[in-house]
Protein backbone atom coordinates (compact mmCIF):
# COMPACT_ATOMS: atom_id res chain seq x y z
CA MET A 1 27.27 3.17 189.34
CA LEU A 2 26.99 0.69 186.48
CA SER A 3 23.98 0.58 184.25
CA MET A 4 22.59 -2.77 183.14
CA THR A 5 21.80 -1.46 179.69
CA ALA A 6 25.32 -0.20 179.13
CA ASN A 7 26.92 -3.66 179.39
CA PRO A 8 24.95 -6.28 177.47
CA VAL A 9 25.62 -9.84 178.60
CA LEU A 10 26.76 -12.10 175.80
CA ASP A 11 25.44 -15.65 175.93
CA THR A 12 27.98 -17.98 174.36
CA ARG A 13 26.02 -21.18 175.01
CA PRO A 14 24.46 -22.93 172.01
CA PRO A 15 20.65 -22.91 171.83
CA LEU A 16 18.78 -25.90 173.23
CA PRO A 17 17.70 -28.48 170.68
CA VAL A 18 14.05 -28.43 169.73
CA ARG A 19 12.26 -31.76 169.99
CA PRO A 20 10.33 -32.54 166.81
CA GLN A 21 6.57 -32.73 167.10
CA PRO A 22 4.79 -35.99 166.19
CA HIS A 23 3.46 -34.61 162.92
CA GLU A 24 6.99 -33.58 161.93
CA ARG A 25 8.31 -37.11 162.44
CA ASP A 26 5.73 -39.22 160.64
CA GLY A 27 3.59 -36.73 158.73
CA ARG A 28 0.45 -37.21 160.84
CA GLN A 29 -1.28 -34.12 162.13
CA PRO A 30 -1.73 -33.79 165.90
CA GLN A 31 -5.19 -34.72 167.16
CA GLN A 32 -7.41 -31.92 168.26
CA PRO A 33 -9.37 -32.31 171.49
CA GLY A 34 -12.70 -33.97 170.81
CA SER A 35 -11.66 -35.39 167.45
CA GLY A 36 -10.43 -38.81 166.49
CA ARG A 37 -11.22 -41.98 168.36
CA PRO A 38 -13.26 -41.78 171.56
CA HIS A 39 -11.72 -42.80 174.86
CA PRO A 40 -12.02 -46.58 175.30
CA GLN A 41 -13.25 -46.44 178.91
CA ARG A 42 -16.07 -44.07 178.04
CA THR A 43 -17.49 -46.17 175.26
CA ALA A 44 -16.68 -49.77 176.19
CA GLN A 45 -19.74 -51.71 177.22
CA HIS A 46 -18.64 -54.28 179.76
CA ASP A 47 -20.23 -57.67 179.40
CA ASP A 48 -20.86 -58.55 183.01
CA THR A 49 -23.23 -61.47 182.48
CA ALA A 50 -20.65 -64.01 183.62
CA ALA A 51 -19.95 -61.99 186.76
CA ARG A 52 -23.71 -61.64 187.42
CA GLN A 53 -24.23 -65.39 187.10
CA LEU A 54 -21.29 -66.15 189.36
CA LEU A 55 -22.44 -63.67 191.99
CA ASP A 56 -25.98 -65.06 191.84
CA SER A 57 -24.77 -68.62 192.38
CA LEU A 58 -22.45 -67.50 195.18
CA TYR A 59 -25.27 -65.62 196.88
CA ARG A 60 -27.65 -68.58 196.72
CA GLU A 61 -25.03 -70.89 198.17
CA TYR A 62 -23.19 -68.73 200.70
CA ALA A 63 -25.58 -65.98 201.87
CA PRO A 64 -26.47 -67.69 205.19
CA MET A 65 -22.78 -68.39 205.88
CA VAL A 66 -21.81 -64.74 205.27
CA ILE A 67 -24.47 -63.54 207.72
CA ARG A 68 -23.36 -66.10 210.33
CA VAL A 69 -19.71 -65.10 210.03
CA ALA A 70 -20.59 -61.42 210.23
CA ALA A 71 -22.79 -62.01 213.30
CA ARG A 72 -20.01 -63.93 215.05
CA ALA A 73 -17.52 -61.17 214.36
CA LEU A 74 -19.82 -58.50 215.80
CA ARG A 75 -20.42 -57.78 219.48
CA ALA A 76 -23.55 -59.27 221.02
CA GLU A 77 -25.30 -55.90 221.16
CA ASP A 78 -24.52 -55.28 217.47
CA ARG A 79 -25.82 -58.57 216.04
CA ASN A 80 -28.61 -56.70 214.27
CA LEU A 81 -25.92 -55.18 212.00
CA ALA A 82 -25.01 -58.55 210.49
CA ASP A 83 -27.29 -57.95 207.50
CA ASP A 84 -25.65 -54.59 206.82
CA ILE A 85 -22.19 -56.14 207.02
CA ALA A 86 -23.29 -58.94 204.69
CA GLN A 87 -24.65 -56.42 202.20
CA ASP A 88 -21.27 -54.64 202.19
CA VAL A 89 -19.55 -58.00 201.63
CA TRP A 90 -21.72 -58.75 198.59
CA LEU A 91 -21.13 -55.28 197.17
CA ALA A 92 -17.37 -55.64 197.57
CA THR A 93 -17.52 -59.11 196.01
CA TRP A 94 -19.45 -57.72 193.02
CA GLN A 95 -16.81 -55.02 192.53
CA HIS A 96 -14.08 -57.64 192.86
CA LEU A 97 -15.68 -59.73 190.12
CA LEU A 98 -16.25 -56.75 187.84
CA ARG A 99 -12.53 -55.98 187.93
CA GLY A 100 -11.96 -59.39 186.36
CA ASN A 101 -10.57 -61.09 189.45
CA GLU A 102 -11.20 -64.76 190.11
CA LEU A 103 -12.39 -66.47 193.27
CA LEU A 104 -10.32 -69.57 193.89
CA ARG A 105 -11.83 -70.47 197.27
CA SER A 106 -15.11 -68.63 197.37
CA ALA A 107 -16.21 -69.75 200.87
CA GLY A 108 -12.91 -68.64 202.39
CA PHE A 109 -12.93 -65.40 200.42
CA LEU A 110 -16.44 -64.50 201.57
CA ALA A 111 -15.83 -65.48 205.20
CA THR A 112 -12.61 -63.47 205.36
CA ARG A 113 -14.26 -60.48 203.74
CA ALA A 114 -17.16 -60.67 206.24
CA ARG A 115 -14.80 -60.76 209.24
CA ARG A 116 -12.72 -57.89 207.87
CA GLN A 117 -15.83 -55.85 207.14
CA ALA A 118 -17.01 -56.30 210.74
CA VAL A 119 -13.60 -55.25 212.05
CA ALA A 120 -13.61 -52.24 209.73
CA TYR A 121 -17.00 -51.26 211.12
CA TYR A 122 -15.50 -50.96 214.59
CA ARG A 123 -12.41 -49.17 213.34
CA LEU A 124 -14.38 -46.29 211.91
CA ALA A 125 -14.11 -43.22 214.10
CA ARG A 126 -17.74 -42.33 213.58
CA VAL A 127 -18.93 -45.52 215.21
CA ARG A 128 -18.19 -44.34 218.71
CA ARG A 129 -21.56 -44.95 220.20
CA GLU A 130 -22.99 -43.50 223.36
CA GLN A 131 -25.38 -45.34 225.59
CA ALA A 132 -28.86 -43.88 225.67
CA THR A 133 -29.78 -42.68 229.12
CA ASP A 134 -33.26 -41.87 230.34
CA TYR A 135 -32.72 -38.80 232.49
CA THR A 136 -36.21 -39.02 233.96
CA GLU A 137 -35.15 -41.94 236.15
CA ASP A 138 -33.74 -41.07 239.55
CA ARG A 139 -30.96 -43.66 239.29
CA ALA A 140 -29.78 -42.25 235.96
CA ALA A 141 -29.80 -38.70 237.32
CA ALA A 142 -27.85 -39.84 240.40
CA HIS A 143 -25.33 -41.64 238.18
CA VAL A 144 -24.83 -38.54 236.03
CA ALA A 145 -24.38 -36.42 239.14
CA ARG A 146 -21.73 -38.84 240.45
CA VAL A 147 -19.88 -38.81 237.13
CA ILE A 148 -19.94 -35.03 236.96
CA GLY A 149 -18.97 -34.72 240.60
CA ALA A 150 -16.04 -37.12 240.16
CA ALA A 151 -14.80 -35.19 237.15
CA ALA A 152 -15.03 -31.82 238.89
């Protein structure tokens, strides 16, 4: 039986080149964590006054339209949710403006966003609603008994 220590393996390949570090190339020392310039996103104060003014003017002009479009996109029994949908539209519009995006056709943008927000409301899995049933009524109890009997 051969022993691994008895036959050393000779490596004839040349060693891998070592990449120079930044301070070796240009003489600067590497930055230590927490030293040097702070991260720009942590310290930059965004001037959002223009976005605030634009959103304010949009809200004054188009708020009734956004609620109407949201109400039309919702089912008749869900019309009371139009204000919630409109609030989500205004929040999304605010975020859109803060990212520096422009609104070329603001009425179309807001109407489309309201319709899509209403559709997204129905697409959520957690929105599967159940109808409230008063089990003290005889008709309701009979209906439940028929449903259970049909399933059994």
